[in-house]
Each structure stands twice: as C-alpha cells, then as structure tokens.
Amino acid sequence: MPRPDRLAPALLGVLGVSEILLAVWMVLAPRSFFDSIGGFGAFNPHYMRDVATFELAIGIVALLAIRRPSWWPATLAVAALQFGLHAINHIVDVGKADDLAAGIFDAASLTAVALLLGWTLLGLERSPA
C-alpha cells in the first residue's frame, strides 16, 4: 500500500478535479446530470445548482490543499465526512433510484471513496511527523 503522505496529494488532486467537473456539469447542464446519474425523485434545477456549490467548494479546497500538507487532515476529514453522509443517503434511498443498478453503484462507490479518504486520513494521523 502507498504511504498516506504520498497518497494524500494524488488523492486530493483526483478529488479536486472530479468534484469541480461534477459541479460544472450540474451548473451548465443540470438536466443532463440528473438524467445520467442524479435520477432520484423529481428534477429540480435549483437544488441541483445548490449541490454544485458544495461540490465546487470541496473541489477547490482539495486542489489548494495539495501543496499545503498542513491542510491535508482537515480537507480529508471534511471530504470523508461528506462522502460518508452522502453514501448513507444513497444507501437509504437505493430503491428509489430511477435505475436500481445505478442506485447500488452510487451507494457502493460513495462508500468506497469515503473509506479511502478516511483510511488516508487515519494513516496521516498515525504517521510520524
């Protein structure tokens, strides 16, 4: 397994870019996002853009944190918490997804990302300074 201090910058980079791309998609083409991966309940472009603001904030901070190791723990903690809570929401509503397979995939992938972020955070906390 890679050392957490080597994994953290790469993980933050991937997190930052992916969160920003998702946010841009949600803002520029909310219906496309909803139809592709956001199909839970009724479409609401305002709430889609609201969610985009959270995604964008996490993405920007993740990218800023890459070169600031003192930011890594807090950034990873917030991202792990957000992904974990998001995963719980998807697990609870897995049967309400427009496509059950997509609902299961969403719940599983969000859980996996939350665990990876949390594992990296714990590894950093246990690493000698």
N, C-alpha and C. Protein backbone atom coordinates (compact mmCIF):
# COMPACT_ATOMS: atom_id res chain seq x y z
N MET A 1 0.84 -1.19 0.00
CA MET A 1 0.00 0.00 0.00
C MET A 1 0.88 1.25 0.00
N PRO A 2 0.48 2.27 -0.74
CA PRO A 2 1.26 3.51 -0.73
C PRO A 2 1.18 4.19 0.63
N ARG A 3 2.24 4.88 0.97
CA ARG A 3 2.25 5.63 2.22
C ARG A 3 1.24 6.75 2.14
N PRO A 4 0.52 7.00 3.23
CA PRO A 4 -0.50 8.05 3.22
C PRO A 4 0.03 9.43 2.82
N ASP A 5 1.28 9.75 3.21
CA ASP A 5 1.83 11.05 2.86
C ASP A 5 2.15 11.16 1.37
N ARG A 6 2.24 10.03 0.69
CA ARG A 6 2.43 10.05 -0.76
C ARG A 6 1.09 9.94 -1.49
N LEU A 7 0.15 9.27 -0.86
CA LEU A 7 -1.17 9.10 -1.45
C LEU A 7 -2.01 10.38 -1.35
N ALA A 8 -1.87 11.10 -0.25
CA ALA A 8 -2.74 12.26 0.01
C ALA A 8 -2.73 13.29 -1.13
N PRO A 9 -1.57 13.74 -1.62
CA PRO A 9 -1.63 14.75 -2.69
C PRO A 9 -2.31 14.25 -3.96
N ALA A 10 -2.04 13.01 -4.33
CA ALA A 10 -2.69 12.45 -5.53
C ALA A 10 -4.19 12.32 -5.31
N LEU A 11 -4.58 11.83 -4.15
CA LEU A 11 -5.99 11.68 -3.83
C LEU A 11 -6.70 13.04 -3.82
N LEU A 12 -6.06 14.04 -3.24
CA LEU A 12 -6.64 15.38 -3.23
C LEU A 12 -6.76 15.94 -4.65
N GLY A 13 -5.79 15.64 -5.50
CA GLY A 13 -5.86 16.10 -6.89
C GLY A 13 -7.02 15.48 -7.63
N VAL A 14 -7.17 14.16 -7.50
CA VAL A 14 -8.28 13.47 -8.17
C VAL A 14 -9.61 13.95 -7.60
N LEU A 15 -9.68 14.07 -6.29
CA LEU A 15 -10.89 14.57 -5.64
C LEU A 15 -11.23 15.97 -6.14
N GLY A 16 -10.24 16.86 -6.15
CA GLY A 16 -10.48 18.23 -6.55
C GLY A 16 -10.99 18.33 -7.97
N VAL A 17 -10.31 17.68 -8.89
CA VAL A 17 -10.71 17.75 -10.30
C VAL A 17 -12.09 17.13 -10.50
N SER A 18 -12.33 15.97 -9.90
CA SER A 18 -13.62 15.30 -10.11
C SER A 18 -14.77 16.10 -9.50
N GLU A 19 -14.57 16.69 -8.33
CA GLU A 19 -15.63 17.49 -7.72
C GLU A 19 -15.93 18.74 -8.54
N ILE A 20 -14.89 19.38 -9.05
CA ILE A 20 -15.09 20.57 -9.88
C ILE A 20 -15.80 20.20 -11.18
N LEU A 21 -15.40 19.11 -11.81
CA LEU A 21 -16.06 18.69 -13.05
C LEU A 21 -17.53 18.36 -12.81
N LEU A 22 -17.83 17.68 -11.71
CA LEU A 22 -19.23 17.39 -11.39
C LEU A 22 -20.02 18.68 -11.16
N ALA A 23 -19.42 19.63 -10.45
CA ALA A 23 -20.10 20.90 -10.18
C ALA A 23 -20.38 21.65 -11.48
N VAL A 24 -19.40 21.70 -12.36
CA VAL A 24 -19.59 22.40 -13.64
C VAL A 24 -20.71 21.74 -14.44
N TRP A 25 -20.71 20.40 -14.46
CA TRP A 25 -21.77 19.66 -15.16
C TRP A 25 -23.13 20.01 -14.58
N MET A 26 -23.23 20.02 -13.23
CA MET A 26 -24.50 20.32 -12.59
C MET A 26 -24.99 21.73 -12.89
N VAL A 27 -24.07 22.68 -13.00
CA VAL A 27 -24.46 24.07 -13.26
C VAL A 27 -24.81 24.29 -14.72
N LEU A 28 -23.97 23.75 -15.61
CA LEU A 28 -24.17 24.02 -17.04
C LEU A 28 -25.24 23.15 -17.69
N ALA A 29 -25.42 21.95 -17.18
CA ALA A 29 -26.39 21.03 -17.79
C ALA A 29 -27.06 20.20 -16.69
N PRO A 30 -27.83 20.86 -15.81
CA PRO A 30 -28.41 20.14 -14.68
C PRO A 30 -29.32 18.98 -15.11
N ARG A 31 -30.05 19.15 -16.20
CA ARG A 31 -30.93 18.07 -16.64
C ARG A 31 -30.12 16.86 -17.10
N SER A 32 -29.04 17.10 -17.80
CA SER A 32 -28.17 16.02 -18.24
C SER A 32 -27.59 15.27 -17.04
N PHE A 33 -27.13 16.03 -16.04
CA PHE A 33 -26.60 15.40 -14.83
C PHE A 33 -27.68 14.55 -14.16
N PHE A 34 -28.85 15.12 -14.00
CA PHE A 34 -29.95 14.40 -13.36
C PHE A 34 -30.29 13.12 -14.12
N ASP A 35 -30.41 13.23 -15.44
CA ASP A 35 -30.76 12.06 -16.26
C ASP A 35 -29.67 11.00 -16.25
N SER A 36 -28.42 11.42 -16.13
CA SER A 36 -27.30 10.48 -16.19
C SER A 36 -27.00 9.81 -14.86
N ILE A 37 -26.89 10.60 -13.78
CA ILE A 37 -26.52 9.99 -12.50
C ILE A 37 -27.26 10.54 -11.30
N GLY A 38 -28.17 11.46 -11.50
CA GLY A 38 -28.86 12.06 -10.36
C GLY A 38 -30.33 11.71 -10.28
N GLY A 39 -30.73 10.61 -10.89
CA GLY A 39 -32.14 10.28 -11.00
C GLY A 39 -32.78 9.74 -9.74
N PHE A 40 -33.03 10.64 -8.79
CA PHE A 40 -33.76 10.29 -7.57
C PHE A 40 -34.88 11.32 -7.44
N GLY A 41 -36.11 10.89 -7.49
CA GLY A 41 -37.23 11.81 -7.31
C GLY A 41 -37.41 12.75 -8.48
N ALA A 42 -37.97 13.91 -8.19
CA ALA A 42 -38.29 14.90 -9.23
C ALA A 42 -37.07 15.78 -9.52
N PHE A 43 -36.94 16.16 -10.75
CA PHE A 43 -35.86 17.07 -11.18
C PHE A 43 -36.11 18.47 -10.65
N ASN A 44 -35.08 19.07 -10.06
CA ASN A 44 -35.18 20.43 -9.56
C ASN A 44 -33.85 21.13 -9.86
N PRO A 45 -33.81 21.98 -10.90
CA PRO A 45 -32.54 22.59 -11.28
C PRO A 45 -31.95 23.50 -10.21
N HIS A 46 -32.78 24.14 -9.40
CA HIS A 46 -32.26 24.99 -8.33
C HIS A 46 -31.46 24.16 -7.32
N TYR A 47 -32.04 23.06 -6.86
CA TYR A 47 -31.34 22.23 -5.89
C TYR A 47 -30.11 21.57 -6.50
N MET A 48 -30.16 21.28 -7.78
CA MET A 48 -29.01 20.72 -8.47
C MET A 48 -27.84 21.72 -8.40
N ARG A 49 -28.15 23.00 -8.66
CA ARG A 49 -27.11 24.02 -8.59
C ARG A 49 -26.67 24.26 -7.14
N ASP A 50 -27.59 24.13 -6.18
CA ASP A 50 -27.20 24.24 -4.77
C ASP A 50 -26.16 23.17 -4.43
N VAL A 51 -26.41 21.95 -4.83
CA VAL A 51 -25.46 20.86 -4.57
C VAL A 51 -24.13 21.14 -5.27
N ALA A 52 -24.21 21.71 -6.46
CA ALA A 52 -22.98 22.04 -7.19
C ALA A 52 -22.09 22.98 -6.39
N THR A 53 -22.68 23.89 -5.62
CA THR A 53 -21.85 24.81 -4.84
C THR A 53 -21.04 24.07 -3.78
N PHE A 54 -21.62 23.04 -3.17
CA PHE A 54 -20.88 22.24 -2.18
C PHE A 54 -19.76 21.45 -2.87
N GLU A 55 -20.09 20.85 -4.01
CA GLU A 55 -19.10 20.09 -4.76
C GLU A 55 -17.94 20.99 -5.18
N LEU A 56 -18.26 22.18 -5.66
CA LEU A 56 -17.24 23.12 -6.11
C LEU A 56 -16.34 23.55 -4.95
N ALA A 57 -16.92 23.83 -3.81
CA ALA A 57 -16.13 24.25 -2.65
C ALA A 57 -15.16 23.15 -2.23
N ILE A 58 -15.63 21.92 -2.14
CA ILE A 58 -14.75 20.81 -1.76
C ILE A 58 -13.65 20.63 -2.81
N GLY A 59 -14.00 20.73 -4.08
CA GLY A 59 -13.02 20.57 -5.14
C GLY A 59 -11.93 21.63 -5.10
N ILE A 60 -12.32 22.88 -4.90
CA ILE A 60 -11.34 23.96 -4.85
C ILE A 60 -10.41 23.79 -3.65
N VAL A 61 -10.98 23.51 -2.50
CA VAL A 61 -10.15 23.34 -1.31
C VAL A 61 -9.21 22.14 -1.47
N ALA A 62 -9.70 21.06 -2.06
CA ALA A 62 -8.84 19.89 -2.28
C ALA A 62 -7.65 20.26 -3.15
N LEU A 63 -7.88 21.01 -4.21
CA LEU A 63 -6.76 21.41 -5.08
C LEU A 63 -5.81 22.36 -4.36
N LEU A 64 -6.35 23.29 -3.59
CA LEU A 64 -5.49 24.20 -2.83
C LEU A 64 -4.66 23.44 -1.79
N ALA A 65 -5.20 22.38 -1.25
CA ALA A 65 -4.53 21.62 -0.18
C ALA A 65 -3.35 20.79 -0.69
N ILE A 66 -3.31 20.50 -1.97
CA ILE A 66 -2.25 19.62 -2.48
C ILE A 66 -0.87 20.09 -2.03
N ARG A 67 -0.60 21.35 -2.11
CA ARG A 67 0.73 21.88 -1.77
C ARG A 67 0.80 22.44 -0.35
N ARG A 68 -0.20 22.15 0.43
CA ARG A 68 -0.23 22.61 1.82
C ARG A 68 -0.47 21.41 2.73
N PRO A 69 0.57 20.66 3.05
CA PRO A 69 0.38 19.45 3.87
C PRO A 69 -0.34 19.69 5.19
N SER A 70 -0.23 20.89 5.74
CA SER A 70 -0.94 21.16 7.00
C SER A 70 -2.45 21.15 6.79
N TRP A 71 -2.91 21.32 5.54
CA TRP A 71 -4.34 21.29 5.23
C TRP A 71 -4.86 19.87 5.00
N TRP A 72 -3.98 18.93 4.75
CA TRP A 72 -4.43 17.59 4.36
C TRP A 72 -5.41 16.97 5.35
N PRO A 73 -5.09 16.92 6.65
CA PRO A 73 -6.03 16.25 7.56
C PRO A 73 -7.43 16.86 7.56
N ALA A 74 -7.52 18.17 7.65
CA ALA A 74 -8.85 18.81 7.69
C ALA A 74 -9.60 18.60 6.37
N THR A 75 -8.89 18.74 5.26
CA THR A 75 -9.53 18.57 3.96
C THR A 75 -10.02 17.14 3.78
N LEU A 76 -9.18 16.18 4.13
CA LEU A 76 -9.58 14.77 4.02
C LEU A 76 -10.72 14.45 4.98
N ALA A 77 -10.70 15.04 6.18
CA ALA A 77 -11.77 14.78 7.15
C ALA A 77 -13.11 15.30 6.64
N VAL A 78 -13.13 16.53 6.13
CA VAL A 78 -14.38 17.09 5.61
C VAL A 78 -14.87 16.27 4.42
N ALA A 79 -13.97 15.92 3.51
CA ALA A 79 -14.36 15.15 2.33
C ALA A 79 -14.85 13.75 2.73
N ALA A 80 -14.16 13.10 3.67
CA ALA A 80 -14.59 11.78 4.11
C ALA A 80 -15.97 11.84 4.77
N LEU A 81 -16.18 12.85 5.58
CA LEU A 81 -17.48 13.02 6.23
C LEU A 81 -18.57 13.27 5.20
N GLN A 82 -18.29 14.15 4.24
CA GLN A 82 -19.30 14.45 3.21
C GLN A 82 -19.61 13.20 2.39
N PHE A 83 -18.59 12.48 1.96
CA PHE A 83 -18.83 11.27 1.17
C PHE A 83 -19.53 10.21 2.00
N GLY A 84 -19.18 10.10 3.28
CA GLY A 84 -19.84 9.12 4.14
C GLY A 84 -21.31 9.43 4.34
N LEU A 85 -21.63 10.68 4.61
CA LEU A 85 -23.03 11.08 4.78
C LEU A 85 -23.79 10.93 3.46
N HIS A 86 -23.14 11.29 2.36
CA HIS A 86 -23.76 11.14 1.04
C HIS A 86 -24.03 9.67 0.76
N ALA A 87 -23.08 8.81 1.13
CA ALA A 87 -23.26 7.36 0.94
C ALA A 87 -24.45 6.85 1.74
N ILE A 88 -24.57 7.29 2.99
CA ILE A 88 -25.71 6.86 3.82
C ILE A 88 -27.02 7.26 3.16
N ASN A 89 -27.08 8.48 2.65
CA ASN A 89 -28.29 8.95 1.97
C ASN A 89 -28.62 8.05 0.78
N HIS A 90 -27.59 7.66 0.02
CA HIS A 90 -27.82 6.79 -1.13
C HIS A 90 -28.20 5.37 -0.71
N ILE A 91 -27.63 4.89 0.37
CA ILE A 91 -27.99 3.56 0.87
C ILE A 91 -29.46 3.54 1.29
N VAL A 92 -29.88 4.57 2.02
CA VAL A 92 -31.27 4.67 2.47
C VAL A 92 -32.23 4.72 1.27
N ASP A 93 -31.84 5.45 0.22
CA ASP A 93 -32.72 5.65 -0.93
C ASP A 93 -32.38 4.77 -2.12
N VAL A 94 -31.59 3.72 -1.92
CA VAL A 94 -31.13 2.92 -3.07
C VAL A 94 -32.29 2.42 -3.92
N GLY A 95 -33.38 2.04 -3.31
CA GLY A 95 -34.53 1.54 -4.04
C GLY A 95 -35.34 2.63 -4.74
N LYS A 96 -35.02 3.89 -4.47
CA LYS A 96 -35.75 5.00 -5.09
C LYS A 96 -35.05 5.53 -6.34
N ALA A 97 -33.91 4.98 -6.66
CA ALA A 97 -33.20 5.42 -7.87
C ALA A 97 -34.00 5.03 -9.10
N ASP A 98 -33.91 5.87 -10.13
CA ASP A 98 -34.63 5.56 -11.37
C ASP A 98 -34.18 4.22 -11.94
N ASP A 99 -32.92 3.87 -11.70
CA ASP A 99 -32.35 2.60 -12.16
C ASP A 99 -31.70 1.94 -10.95
N LEU A 100 -32.20 0.78 -10.52
CA LEU A 100 -31.70 0.13 -9.30
C LEU A 100 -30.21 -0.15 -9.38
N ALA A 101 -29.73 -0.60 -10.53
CA ALA A 101 -28.30 -0.88 -10.66
C ALA A 101 -27.48 0.39 -10.45
N ALA A 102 -27.95 1.49 -11.00
CA ALA A 102 -27.25 2.77 -10.80
C ALA A 102 -27.31 3.19 -9.34
N GLY A 103 -28.44 2.94 -8.68
CA GLY A 103 -28.56 3.26 -7.26
C GLY A 103 -27.58 2.47 -6.41
N ILE A 104 -27.44 1.19 -6.72
CA ILE A 104 -26.49 0.34 -5.99
C ILE A 104 -25.06 0.80 -6.26
N PHE A 105 -24.75 1.09 -7.54
CA PHE A 105 -23.41 1.56 -7.88
C PHE A 105 -23.10 2.87 -7.16
N ASP A 106 -24.04 3.81 -7.15
CA ASP A 106 -23.82 5.08 -6.46
C ASP A 106 -23.52 4.86 -4.98
N ALA A 107 -24.32 4.05 -4.33
CA ALA A 107 -24.12 3.80 -2.90
C ALA A 107 -22.77 3.14 -2.65
N ALA A 108 -22.42 2.16 -3.46
CA ALA A 108 -21.16 1.45 -3.28
C ALA A 108 -19.96 2.35 -3.57
N SER A 109 -20.02 3.12 -4.64
CA SER A 109 -18.88 3.96 -4.99
C SER A 109 -18.68 5.09 -3.99
N LEU A 110 -19.76 5.69 -3.52
CA LEU A 110 -19.64 6.73 -2.50
C LEU A 110 -19.06 6.17 -1.20
N THR A 111 -19.48 4.97 -0.84
CA THR A 111 -18.94 4.31 0.36
C THR A 111 -17.46 4.03 0.19
N ALA A 112 -17.06 3.54 -0.98
CA ALA A 112 -15.65 3.23 -1.24
C ALA A 112 -14.79 4.49 -1.15
N VAL A 113 -15.26 5.58 -1.72
CA VAL A 113 -14.49 6.83 -1.68
C VAL A 113 -14.40 7.34 -0.23
N ALA A 114 -15.49 7.27 0.51
CA ALA A 114 -15.47 7.69 1.92
C ALA A 114 -14.45 6.88 2.71
N LEU A 115 -14.43 5.57 2.47
CA LEU A 115 -13.47 4.71 3.18
C LEU A 115 -12.03 5.02 2.78
N LEU A 116 -11.78 5.26 1.50
CA LEU A 116 -10.44 5.60 1.05
C LEU A 116 -9.97 6.92 1.66
N LEU A 117 -10.84 7.92 1.66
CA LEU A 117 -10.50 9.20 2.27
C LEU A 117 -10.23 9.04 3.76
N GLY A 118 -11.09 8.30 4.44
CA GLY A 118 -10.91 8.07 5.87
C GLY A 118 -9.66 7.28 6.19
N TRP A 119 -9.37 6.25 5.39
CA TRP A 119 -8.16 5.44 5.58
C TRP A 119 -6.91 6.31 5.42
N THR A 120 -6.92 7.17 4.39
CA THR A 120 -5.78 8.05 4.17
C THR A 120 -5.62 9.02 5.32
N LEU A 121 -6.72 9.57 5.80
CA LEU A 121 -6.67 10.48 6.95
C LEU A 121 -6.10 9.77 8.18
N LEU A 122 -6.59 8.58 8.48
CA LEU A 122 -6.08 7.84 9.64
C LEU A 122 -4.60 7.52 9.48
N GLY A 123 -4.18 7.19 8.27
CA GLY A 123 -2.78 6.92 8.02
C GLY A 123 -1.91 8.15 8.26
N LEU A 124 -2.40 9.30 7.84
CA LEU A 124 -1.66 10.54 8.10
C LEU A 124 -1.55 10.82 9.60
N GLU A 125 -2.63 10.60 10.30
CA GLU A 125 -2.64 10.87 11.74
C GLU A 125 -1.69 9.93 12.49
N ARG A 126 -1.48 8.74 11.97
CA ARG A 126 -0.61 7.75 12.62
C ARG A 126 0.84 7.85 12.18
N SER A 127 1.09 8.60 11.09
CA SER A 127 2.45 8.73 10.56
C SER A 127 3.29 9.61 11.48
N PRO A 128 4.57 9.24 11.60
CA PRO A 128 5.46 10.12 12.38
C PRO A 128 5.63 11.46 11.64
N ALA A 129 5.72 12.53 12.38
CA ALA A 129 5.83 13.87 11.79
C ALA A 129 7.14 14.11 11.09
